[in-house]
Amino acid sequence: MKAAGDTGGYKSHNGFRDPFTYLFDESIVKNYSGTLVVLTRVLTPIGPLIAGATEEGLCLLEFAEHPQLKTRINRLCKEIHCVVTPGENAHIGRIQHELDQYFSGKRIDFDVPLIVPGTDFQRKVWEELQRIPYGETRSYEGIARAIDNPKAFRAVGRANGNNRIPIVIPCHRVVRADGTLGGYGGERWRKRFLLDLEGQPGFN
């Protein structure tokens, strides 16, 4: 397991800007009047996350090591017509606090407002994920049945994989019907850690 202080390949906790320099065009940000997403690093016991938020809510909480992180940030910008810049706002501060509580066992639900662009199907899946109680799991087939599309369990898996706000939208609580762990964009060891934290040990 990686240490809590793991920097996800960056030299410092404040140095995540360097790999994303092309995203941070200060001349555009300075004169931009549209949606602005501030990005910052959030340290957790399972490694650093990159959190992003608009003035309306949290729109990104990706593992810093995610191989598609840059692509997913670009896609988010296209979907909500935004530009990104390093920084923090009230929603970033709130998710930092709520994650601290979650990992210390003092929080089971998240209250930070979310901005979740996606297809109608994806949004149905993500809403259903948020209905899975802390300490419980569901199968991909179970989620498909819950959204009245029982044959779409593979599409449920793809929607899970496209979730940009893991932990808060708890895709880690979806496992295979045979009781095995299944996949996870943040790597399987993190999924196992989160389920163990929530009192669901024993998944392989």
Foldseek 3Di string as FASTA:
>chain_A
DDAQLDALPAPDQAGPCVVVVVQADPVCVVPPDFWEKAWHWATDRLGIWIWIDTPQFTEATGHSNQPCVVVLVVVVCVQRVYGYDHDDDPRNVQVSVQRVCLLVVNDFAGDTDYDYDDDPVLVLLLVVLNVAGQLAAEELQRSCVVSVRNVCSVVSVVSLVSDRHDPNSPSLRYAHPVQARDADSSGSVVSQVRNVSSPNHDHD
